[in-house]
Amino acid sequence: MQIAVWQIVLITVIAFFYRVDRLGTQVCNYNAVLYSWIVGLILGDGMTGLIIGASVQLMSLGVAALVGSSVPDYPLAGMVGTAVCVMTGQDEGVGLAVGIAVGTLAVQLDVIAKTLNVFMAHKQLAYGQAGEYEKMKRV
């Protein structure tokens, strides 16, 4: 199956919405089934999206990022797994294997982001103590 440019754009918008939603209002609340289903619908196979999303959601039950720890990015794993499964025509197990590997790789990106946030917080603190509140807000 060939993927069209509009499908790539829509999947990218969905992935962007997921990241923004995760850091902000959390309207969809870290729901792998929903995001996988939407990616499946965009690619023309919503049922595969539901199967992979439900499997990934089941893996995430009982897993929590407590005290600053990082867990695999399960919605991202579902989205990537759905895309791989639908695009290659392979079994759902292949999509799950690739998706979980990507979700686990995203843990490392989360650790890097948390490390960079420490430097940003120190810079904000310095601006706040100096009374430069506009610079503090920009950081």
N, C-alpha and C. Protein backbone atom coordinates (compact mmCIF):
# COMPACT_ATOMS: atom_id res chain seq x y z
N MET A 1 0.84 -1.18 0.00
CA MET A 1 0.00 0.00 0.00
C MET A 1 0.89 1.24 0.00
N GLN A 2 0.53 2.18 -0.83
CA GLN A 2 1.22 3.46 -0.88
C GLN A 2 0.51 4.44 0.03
N ILE A 3 1.28 5.29 0.67
CA ILE A 3 0.69 6.29 1.56
C ILE A 3 0.72 7.64 0.84
N ALA A 4 -0.40 8.34 0.90
CA ALA A 4 -0.51 9.64 0.24
C ALA A 4 0.02 10.75 1.14
N VAL A 5 0.33 11.86 0.53
CA VAL A 5 0.86 13.00 1.28
C VAL A 5 -0.16 13.49 2.31
N TRP A 6 -1.43 13.52 1.94
CA TRP A 6 -2.45 14.00 2.87
C TRP A 6 -2.56 13.09 4.09
N GLN A 7 -2.32 11.79 3.91
CA GLN A 7 -2.34 10.87 5.04
C GLN A 7 -1.17 11.14 5.98
N ILE A 8 -0.01 11.40 5.41
CA ILE A 8 1.16 11.73 6.22
C ILE A 8 0.91 13.00 7.02
N VAL A 9 0.33 13.99 6.37
CA VAL A 9 0.04 15.26 7.04
C VAL A 9 -0.97 15.05 8.17
N LEU A 10 -2.02 14.30 7.92
CA LEU A 10 -3.03 14.06 8.97
C LEU A 10 -2.46 13.28 10.15
N ILE A 11 -1.66 12.27 9.88
CA ILE A 11 -1.05 11.50 10.96
C ILE A 11 -0.08 12.37 11.75
N THR A 12 0.65 13.23 11.07
CA THR A 12 1.55 14.15 11.77
C THR A 12 0.77 15.11 12.64
N VAL A 13 -0.35 15.61 12.15
CA VAL A 13 -1.20 16.51 12.96
C VAL A 13 -1.74 15.78 14.18
N ILE A 14 -2.16 14.54 14.01
CA ILE A 14 -2.66 13.75 15.14
C ILE A 14 -1.55 13.52 16.16
N ALA A 15 -0.35 13.18 15.70
CA ALA A 15 0.78 12.97 16.62
C ALA A 15 1.14 14.27 17.33
N PHE A 16 1.09 15.40 16.62
CA PHE A 16 1.36 16.69 17.24
C PHE A 16 0.31 17.01 18.29
N PHE A 17 -0.97 16.77 17.97
CA PHE A 17 -2.04 17.01 18.93
C PHE A 17 -1.85 16.14 20.18
N TYR A 18 -1.41 14.90 19.97
CA TYR A 18 -1.17 14.01 21.12
C TYR A 18 -0.11 14.60 22.04
N ARG A 19 1.01 15.06 21.46
CA ARG A 19 2.10 15.60 22.29
C ARG A 19 1.66 16.87 23.02
N VAL A 20 0.95 17.75 22.32
CA VAL A 20 0.48 18.99 22.95
C VAL A 20 -0.55 18.67 24.02
N ASP A 21 -1.44 17.73 23.74
CA ASP A 21 -2.46 17.36 24.71
C ASP A 21 -1.84 16.71 25.94
N ARG A 22 -0.80 15.95 25.74
CA ARG A 22 -0.14 15.29 26.88
C ARG A 22 0.51 16.30 27.81
N LEU A 23 1.03 17.37 27.26
CA LEU A 23 1.70 18.38 28.07
C LEU A 23 0.75 19.45 28.59
N GLY A 24 -0.46 19.49 28.07
CA GLY A 24 -1.37 20.57 28.43
C GLY A 24 -2.64 20.10 29.11
N THR A 25 -3.74 20.23 28.40
CA THR A 25 -5.06 20.01 28.99
C THR A 25 -5.40 18.55 29.22
N GLN A 26 -4.82 17.64 28.50
CA GLN A 26 -5.08 16.20 28.57
C GLN A 26 -6.54 15.86 28.33
N VAL A 27 -7.05 16.30 27.19
CA VAL A 27 -8.42 16.02 26.80
C VAL A 27 -8.61 14.53 26.52
N CYS A 28 -7.66 13.93 25.83
CA CYS A 28 -7.78 12.52 25.46
C CYS A 28 -7.07 11.59 26.43
N ASN A 29 -6.39 12.13 27.40
CA ASN A 29 -5.88 11.39 28.55
C ASN A 29 -5.05 10.16 28.21
N TYR A 30 -4.04 10.32 27.36
CA TYR A 30 -3.05 9.26 27.14
C TYR A 30 -3.71 7.96 26.67
N ASN A 31 -4.60 8.05 25.73
CA ASN A 31 -5.42 6.94 25.30
C ASN A 31 -4.88 6.34 24.01
N ALA A 32 -4.20 5.20 24.11
CA ALA A 32 -3.59 4.57 22.94
C ALA A 32 -4.64 4.06 21.96
N VAL A 33 -5.79 3.61 22.45
CA VAL A 33 -6.82 3.07 21.58
C VAL A 33 -7.35 4.15 20.64
N LEU A 34 -7.61 5.32 21.18
CA LEU A 34 -8.16 6.40 20.37
C LEU A 34 -7.19 6.82 19.27
N TYR A 35 -5.95 7.08 19.63
CA TYR A 35 -4.98 7.53 18.64
C TYR A 35 -4.69 6.46 17.61
N SER A 36 -4.59 5.22 18.01
CA SER A 36 -4.34 4.13 17.05
C SER A 36 -5.53 3.97 16.11
N TRP A 37 -6.73 4.10 16.63
CA TRP A 37 -7.93 3.98 15.80
C TRP A 37 -7.98 5.10 14.76
N ILE A 38 -7.65 6.33 15.18
CA ILE A 38 -7.66 7.45 14.24
C ILE A 38 -6.63 7.24 13.14
N VAL A 39 -5.43 6.78 13.52
CA VAL A 39 -4.40 6.50 12.51
C VAL A 39 -4.88 5.39 11.58
N GLY A 40 -5.52 4.37 12.13
CA GLY A 40 -6.07 3.30 11.30
C GLY A 40 -7.13 3.81 10.34
N LEU A 41 -8.00 4.71 10.81
CA LEU A 41 -9.02 5.28 9.93
C LEU A 41 -8.39 6.09 8.81
N ILE A 42 -7.37 6.86 9.13
CA ILE A 42 -6.69 7.66 8.11
C ILE A 42 -6.07 6.76 7.05
N LEU A 43 -5.52 5.63 7.48
CA LEU A 43 -4.88 4.71 6.54
C LEU A 43 -5.86 3.73 5.90
N GLY A 44 -7.13 3.76 6.32
CA GLY A 44 -8.14 2.93 5.69
C GLY A 44 -8.40 1.60 6.37
N ASP A 45 -7.90 1.40 7.58
CA ASP A 45 -8.12 0.14 8.30
C ASP A 45 -8.29 0.43 9.78
N GLY A 46 -9.47 0.90 10.14
CA GLY A 46 -9.75 1.26 11.53
C GLY A 46 -9.73 0.07 12.48
N MET A 47 -10.11 -1.12 11.99
CA MET A 47 -10.13 -2.30 12.85
C MET A 47 -8.73 -2.67 13.31
N THR A 48 -7.75 -2.59 12.42
CA THR A 48 -6.37 -2.87 12.81
C THR A 48 -5.91 -1.86 13.85
N GLY A 49 -6.29 -0.61 13.67
CA GLY A 49 -5.97 0.42 14.66
C GLY A 49 -6.56 0.11 16.02
N LEU A 50 -7.80 -0.39 16.03
CA LEU A 50 -8.43 -0.76 17.30
C LEU A 50 -7.73 -1.96 17.95
N ILE A 51 -7.37 -2.94 17.15
CA ILE A 51 -6.70 -4.14 17.69
C ILE A 51 -5.36 -3.77 18.30
N ILE A 52 -4.55 -3.03 17.56
CA ILE A 52 -3.23 -2.65 18.06
C ILE A 52 -3.36 -1.68 19.23
N GLY A 53 -4.26 -0.72 19.12
CA GLY A 53 -4.46 0.22 20.21
C GLY A 53 -4.91 -0.45 21.49
N ALA A 54 -5.83 -1.42 21.37
CA ALA A 54 -6.30 -2.13 22.56
C ALA A 54 -5.18 -2.98 23.17
N SER A 55 -4.37 -3.60 22.33
CA SER A 55 -3.26 -4.40 22.84
C SER A 55 -2.24 -3.53 23.57
N VAL A 56 -1.94 -2.39 22.99
CA VAL A 56 -0.99 -1.48 23.63
C VAL A 56 -1.58 -0.90 24.92
N GLN A 57 -2.86 -0.57 24.89
CA GLN A 57 -3.52 -0.04 26.09
C GLN A 57 -3.51 -1.08 27.20
N LEU A 58 -3.70 -2.34 26.85
CA LEU A 58 -3.66 -3.41 27.84
C LEU A 58 -2.27 -3.53 28.45
N MET A 59 -1.23 -3.32 27.64
CA MET A 59 0.14 -3.36 28.17
C MET A 59 0.40 -2.22 29.14
N SER A 60 -0.29 -1.12 28.95
CA SER A 60 -0.01 0.06 29.78
C SER A 60 -0.79 0.08 31.09
N LEU A 61 -1.71 -0.83 31.28
CA LEU A 61 -2.50 -0.83 32.51
C LEU A 61 -1.62 -1.09 33.71
N GLY A 62 -1.74 -0.28 34.71
CA GLY A 62 -0.98 -0.45 35.93
C GLY A 62 0.41 0.14 35.89
N VAL A 63 0.79 0.74 34.76
CA VAL A 63 2.11 1.34 34.64
C VAL A 63 1.96 2.84 34.87
N ALA A 64 2.73 3.38 35.79
CA ALA A 64 2.64 4.81 36.10
C ALA A 64 4.04 5.39 36.22
N ALA A 65 4.17 6.63 35.79
CA ALA A 65 5.45 7.34 35.91
C ALA A 65 5.45 8.07 37.25
N LEU A 66 5.89 7.39 38.27
CA LEU A 66 5.91 7.96 39.61
C LEU A 66 7.29 8.52 39.93
N VAL A 67 7.34 9.61 40.65
CA VAL A 67 8.56 10.22 41.16
C VAL A 67 9.56 10.50 40.03
N GLY A 68 9.06 11.00 38.91
CA GLY A 68 9.94 11.38 37.82
C GLY A 68 10.45 10.25 36.96
N SER A 69 9.95 9.03 37.17
CA SER A 69 10.40 7.92 36.32
C SER A 69 9.74 8.04 34.94
N SER A 70 10.25 7.32 34.00
CA SER A 70 9.72 7.36 32.64
C SER A 70 9.19 6.00 32.25
N VAL A 71 8.09 5.99 31.54
CA VAL A 71 7.49 4.75 31.03
C VAL A 71 7.44 4.85 29.51
N PRO A 72 7.32 3.72 28.83
CA PRO A 72 7.21 3.77 27.37
C PRO A 72 6.03 4.63 26.93
N ASP A 73 6.18 5.23 25.80
CA ASP A 73 5.15 6.11 25.25
C ASP A 73 4.15 5.24 24.49
N TYR A 74 3.15 4.74 25.20
CA TYR A 74 2.22 3.76 24.64
C TYR A 74 1.36 4.31 23.50
N PRO A 75 0.80 5.51 23.58
CA PRO A 75 0.04 6.01 22.42
C PRO A 75 0.91 6.15 21.17
N LEU A 76 2.14 6.59 21.33
CA LEU A 76 3.05 6.66 20.18
C LEU A 76 3.32 5.26 19.64
N ALA A 77 3.49 4.30 20.55
CA ALA A 77 3.70 2.91 20.12
C ALA A 77 2.50 2.41 19.33
N GLY A 78 1.29 2.75 19.76
CA GLY A 78 0.09 2.34 19.04
C GLY A 78 -0.01 2.98 17.67
N MET A 79 0.33 4.27 17.59
CA MET A 79 0.25 4.95 16.30
C MET A 79 1.26 4.38 15.30
N VAL A 80 2.49 4.20 15.76
CA VAL A 80 3.54 3.66 14.88
C VAL A 80 3.22 2.21 14.52
N GLY A 81 2.78 1.43 15.50
CA GLY A 81 2.44 0.03 15.23
C GLY A 81 1.31 -0.11 14.23
N THR A 82 0.31 0.75 14.35
CA THR A 82 -0.80 0.71 13.40
C THR A 82 -0.32 1.07 12.00
N ALA A 83 0.47 2.12 11.91
CA ALA A 83 0.97 2.54 10.59
C ALA A 83 1.82 1.44 9.95
N VAL A 84 2.70 0.82 10.73
CA VAL A 84 3.55 -0.24 10.18
C VAL A 84 2.71 -1.43 9.74
N CYS A 85 1.76 -1.81 10.57
CA CYS A 85 0.93 -2.98 10.26
C CYS A 85 0.08 -2.76 9.00
N VAL A 86 -0.55 -1.59 8.91
CA VAL A 86 -1.40 -1.33 7.76
C VAL A 86 -0.56 -1.14 6.49
N MET A 87 0.56 -0.45 6.60
CA MET A 87 1.37 -0.17 5.42
C MET A 87 2.06 -1.41 4.87
N THR A 88 2.49 -2.31 5.73
CA THR A 88 3.21 -3.50 5.26
C THR A 88 2.29 -4.69 5.02
N GLY A 89 1.08 -4.65 5.57
CA GLY A 89 0.17 -5.77 5.42
C GLY A 89 0.53 -6.97 6.28
N GLN A 90 1.40 -6.76 7.25
CA GLN A 90 1.84 -7.84 8.14
C GLN A 90 0.80 -8.09 9.23
N ASP A 91 1.04 -9.11 10.02
CA ASP A 91 0.21 -9.46 11.16
C ASP A 91 0.31 -8.37 12.23
N GLU A 92 -0.68 -8.31 13.12
CA GLU A 92 -0.67 -7.29 14.18
C GLU A 92 0.52 -7.44 15.11
N GLY A 93 1.04 -8.64 15.25
CA GLY A 93 2.21 -8.86 16.10
C GLY A 93 3.43 -8.08 15.62
N VAL A 94 3.58 -7.96 14.32
CA VAL A 94 4.70 -7.19 13.77
C VAL A 94 4.54 -5.71 14.12
N GLY A 95 3.32 -5.20 13.95
CA GLY A 95 3.07 -3.82 14.30
C GLY A 95 3.29 -3.55 15.77
N LEU A 96 2.88 -4.49 16.63
CA LEU A 96 3.10 -4.34 18.07
C LEU A 96 4.58 -4.36 18.41
N ALA A 97 5.33 -5.24 17.78
CA ALA A 97 6.76 -5.33 18.08
C ALA A 97 7.49 -4.04 17.69
N VAL A 98 7.19 -3.52 16.53
CA VAL A 98 7.83 -2.28 16.09
C VAL A 98 7.34 -1.10 16.93
N GLY A 99 6.05 -1.07 17.20
CA GLY A 99 5.49 0.03 17.98
C GLY A 99 6.04 0.10 19.40
N ILE A 100 6.14 -1.03 20.06
CA ILE A 100 6.67 -1.03 21.43
C ILE A 100 8.15 -0.66 21.43
N ALA A 101 8.88 -1.08 20.40
CA ALA A 101 10.29 -0.67 20.31
C ALA A 101 10.41 0.84 20.17
N VAL A 102 9.57 1.44 19.35
CA VAL A 102 9.58 2.90 19.19
C VAL A 102 9.12 3.59 20.47
N GLY A 103 8.10 3.05 21.12
CA GLY A 103 7.63 3.62 22.38
C GLY A 103 8.68 3.57 23.47
N THR A 104 9.47 2.50 23.48
CA THR A 104 10.55 2.39 24.45
C THR A 104 11.68 3.35 24.12
N LEU A 105 11.94 3.55 22.84
CA LEU A 105 12.94 4.53 22.43
C LEU A 105 12.51 5.94 22.86
N ALA A 106 11.21 6.21 22.82
CA ALA A 106 10.70 7.51 23.23
C ALA A 106 10.96 7.79 24.70
N VAL A 107 11.18 6.73 25.51
CA VAL A 107 11.53 6.93 26.92
C VAL A 107 12.83 7.72 27.02
N GLN A 108 13.78 7.38 26.17
CA GLN A 108 15.06 8.09 26.19
C GLN A 108 14.88 9.56 25.81
N LEU A 109 13.99 9.83 24.87
CA LEU A 109 13.71 11.22 24.51
C LEU A 109 13.04 11.96 25.67
N ASP A 110 12.22 11.25 26.43
CA ASP A 110 11.58 11.85 27.60
C ASP A 110 12.61 12.20 28.67
N VAL A 111 13.59 11.32 28.85
CA VAL A 111 14.66 11.59 29.82
C VAL A 111 15.47 12.81 29.39
N ILE A 112 15.78 12.91 28.11
CA ILE A 112 16.52 14.07 27.60
C ILE A 112 15.71 15.35 27.81
N ALA A 113 14.41 15.30 27.53
CA ALA A 113 13.56 16.48 27.72
C ALA A 113 13.51 16.90 29.19
N LYS A 114 13.40 15.93 30.10
CA LYS A 114 13.38 16.26 31.53
C LYS A 114 14.71 16.85 31.98
N THR A 115 15.80 16.37 31.41
CA THR A 115 17.11 16.91 31.74
C THR A 115 17.23 18.36 31.26
N LEU A 116 16.77 18.63 30.06
CA LEU A 116 16.81 19.99 29.54
C LEU A 116 15.89 20.93 30.32
N ASN A 117 14.80 20.40 30.83
CA ASN A 117 13.88 21.23 31.62
C ASN A 117 14.55 21.73 32.90
N VAL A 118 15.49 20.99 33.45
CA VAL A 118 16.19 21.43 34.65
C VAL A 118 16.96 22.72 34.37
N PHE A 119 17.65 22.77 33.22
CA PHE A 119 18.39 23.97 32.87
C PHE A 119 17.45 25.15 32.63
N MET A 120 16.31 24.87 32.01
CA MET A 120 15.33 25.94 31.75
C MET A 120 14.76 26.47 33.08
N ALA A 121 14.50 25.58 34.01
CA ALA A 121 13.96 26.01 35.30
C ALA A 121 14.96 26.87 36.06
N HIS A 122 16.23 26.52 36.00
CA HIS A 122 17.25 27.33 36.67
C HIS A 122 17.35 28.72 36.04
N LYS A 123 17.22 28.78 34.71
CA LYS A 123 17.26 30.07 34.02
C LYS A 123 16.05 30.91 34.42
N GLN A 124 14.87 30.29 34.49
CA GLN A 124 13.67 31.01 34.91
C GLN A 124 13.81 31.51 36.34
N LEU A 125 14.37 30.71 37.20
CA LEU A 125 14.57 31.10 38.59
C LEU A 125 15.50 32.30 38.69
N ALA A 126 16.56 32.29 37.91
CA ALA A 126 17.50 33.42 37.93
C ALA A 126 16.82 34.69 37.44
N TYR A 127 16.02 34.60 36.38
CA TYR A 127 15.30 35.78 35.89
C TYR A 127 14.26 36.25 36.91
N GLY A 128 13.59 35.31 37.55
CA GLY A 128 12.60 35.67 38.56
C GLY A 128 13.21 36.37 39.76
N GLN A 129 14.36 35.90 40.20
CA GLN A 129 15.02 36.52 41.34
C GLN A 129 15.56 37.90 40.99
N ALA A 130 15.90 38.11 39.72
CA ALA A 130 16.39 39.42 39.28
C ALA A 130 15.24 40.38 38.98
N GLY A 131 14.01 39.90 39.03
CA GLY A 131 12.86 40.74 38.76
C GLY A 131 12.57 40.93 37.28
N GLU A 132 13.18 40.15 36.42
CA GLU A 132 12.97 40.25 34.98
C GLU A 132 11.89 39.23 34.57
N TYR A 133 10.64 39.58 34.85
CA TYR A 133 9.55 38.63 34.70
C TYR A 133 9.18 38.37 33.24
N GLU A 134 9.38 39.34 32.38
CA GLU A 134 9.09 39.11 30.97
C GLU A 134 10.04 38.07 30.38
N LYS A 135 11.33 38.16 30.74
CA LYS A 135 12.30 37.16 30.27
C LYS A 135 11.99 35.80 30.88
N MET A 136 11.54 35.79 32.11
CA MET A 136 11.19 34.55 32.77
C MET A 136 10.03 33.87 32.04
N LYS A 137 9.04 34.64 31.62
CA LYS A 137 7.90 34.07 30.91
C LYS A 137 8.30 33.55 29.52
N ARG A 138 9.24 34.24 28.88
CA ARG A 138 9.68 33.81 27.55
C ARG A 138 10.42 32.48 27.61
N VAL A 139 11.19 32.26 28.68
CA VAL A 139 11.91 31.00 28.82
C VAL A 139 10.92 29.88 29.00
